[in-house]
């Protein structure tokens, strides 16, 4: 008998709940959204995880290590640092 993570033939498949592929999204940001942290304000309670600050302005994009959301910076270059 196969366990819950295997298909009818006993092959291991990717667990869609653990992969984050179905829940990951992309968010475009501007300088008014900085400093960036995920989850962002207004996120529904069911989708919250520990807050993590992401440096999206330096590289132009950053991915949340918890939920996989990709944040893409579309704002003006950051001054000062």
Protein backbone atom coordinates (compact mmCIF):
# COMPACT_ATOMS: atom_id res chain seq x y z
CA UNK A 1 0.00 0.00 0.00
CA UNK A 2 1.37 3.41 -0.97
CA UNK A 3 1.57 6.23 1.53
CA UNK A 4 -0.18 9.60 1.15
CA UNK A 5 2.66 11.23 -0.84
CA UNK A 6 2.71 8.60 -3.59
CA UNK A 7 0.47 8.11 -6.61
CA UNK A 8 -1.36 4.89 -7.54
CA UNK A 9 1.85 3.33 -8.84
CA UNK A 10 3.85 4.21 -5.73
CA UNK A 11 5.77 7.07 -7.37
CA UNK A 12 6.67 9.99 -5.18
CA UNK A 13 5.15 13.23 -6.39
CA UNK A 14 5.73 16.82 -5.36
CA UNK A 15 3.45 17.79 -2.53
CA UNK A 16 1.59 20.90 -3.77
CA UNK A 17 0.97 22.06 -0.22
CA UNK A 18 4.67 22.01 0.67
CA UNK A 19 6.05 23.25 -2.67
CA UNK A 20 4.47 26.70 -2.53
CA UNK A 21 4.19 26.69 -6.33
CA UNK A 22 0.43 27.18 -6.28
CA UNK A 23 0.51 29.92 -3.67
CA UNK A 24 3.60 31.95 -4.66
CA UNK A 25 2.93 35.25 -6.35
CA UNK A 26 4.73 38.29 -7.69
CA UNK A 27 4.32 41.81 -6.28
CA UNK A 28 5.66 45.01 -7.85
CA UNK A 29 6.81 47.73 -5.46
CA UNK A 30 7.91 51.36 -5.50
CA UNK A 31 9.94 53.46 -3.07
CA UNK A 32 6.81 54.23 -1.03
CA UNK A 33 6.59 50.51 -0.12
CA UNK A 34 10.03 50.51 1.55
CA UNK A 35 11.19 49.20 3.93
CA UNK A 36 9.72 45.96 2.69
CA UNK A 37 8.65 43.14 4.93
CA UNK A 38 6.64 40.03 4.25
CA UNK A 39 3.85 39.49 4.98
CA UNK A 40 2.79 42.95 3.96
CA UNK A 41 0.22 44.96 5.94
CA UNK A 42 -3.29 43.91 5.09
CA UNK A 43 -2.41 40.29 4.37
CA UNK A 44 -5.19 37.96 5.53
CA UNK A 45 -4.53 36.29 8.88
CA UNK A 46 -4.58 32.79 7.38
CA UNK A 47 -1.63 33.61 5.12
CA UNK A 48 0.66 35.17 7.73
CA UNK A 49 4.06 33.84 8.70
CA UNK A 50 6.90 35.31 10.80
CA UNK A 51 7.83 38.80 9.55
CA UNK A 52 10.99 38.96 7.47
CA UNK A 53 12.52 42.15 6.06
CA UNK A 54 13.70 41.93 2.43
CA UNK A 55 16.25 44.15 0.66
CA UNK A 56 14.48 44.43 -2.66
CA UNK A 57 15.96 47.81 -3.68
CA UNK A 58 19.57 46.60 -3.90
CA UNK A 59 19.09 43.70 -6.32
CA UNK A 60 15.80 44.73 -7.92
CA UNK A 61 13.95 41.70 -6.61
CA UNK A 62 13.77 39.45 -3.59
CA UNK A 63 11.88 36.26 -2.74
CA UNK A 64 10.32 35.60 0.66
CA UNK A 65 11.88 32.49 2.20
CA UNK A 66 8.60 31.57 3.92
CA UNK A 67 5.88 31.91 1.28
CA UNK A 68 7.88 32.25 -1.95
CA UNK A 69 6.36 35.60 -2.95
CA UNK A 70 8.62 37.39 -5.42
CA UNK A 71 8.89 41.13 -4.80
CA UNK A 72 10.08 43.18 -7.79
CA UNK A 73 11.25 46.77 -7.24
CA UNK A 74 10.06 49.19 -9.94
CA UNK A 75 10.79 52.45 -8.10
CA UNK A 76 13.47 55.10 -8.31
CA UNK A 77 17.02 54.21 -7.23
CA UNK A 78 17.36 54.35 -3.46
CA UNK A 79 19.54 57.23 -2.21
CA UNK A 80 21.83 57.21 0.80
CA UNK A 81 23.01 53.65 1.21
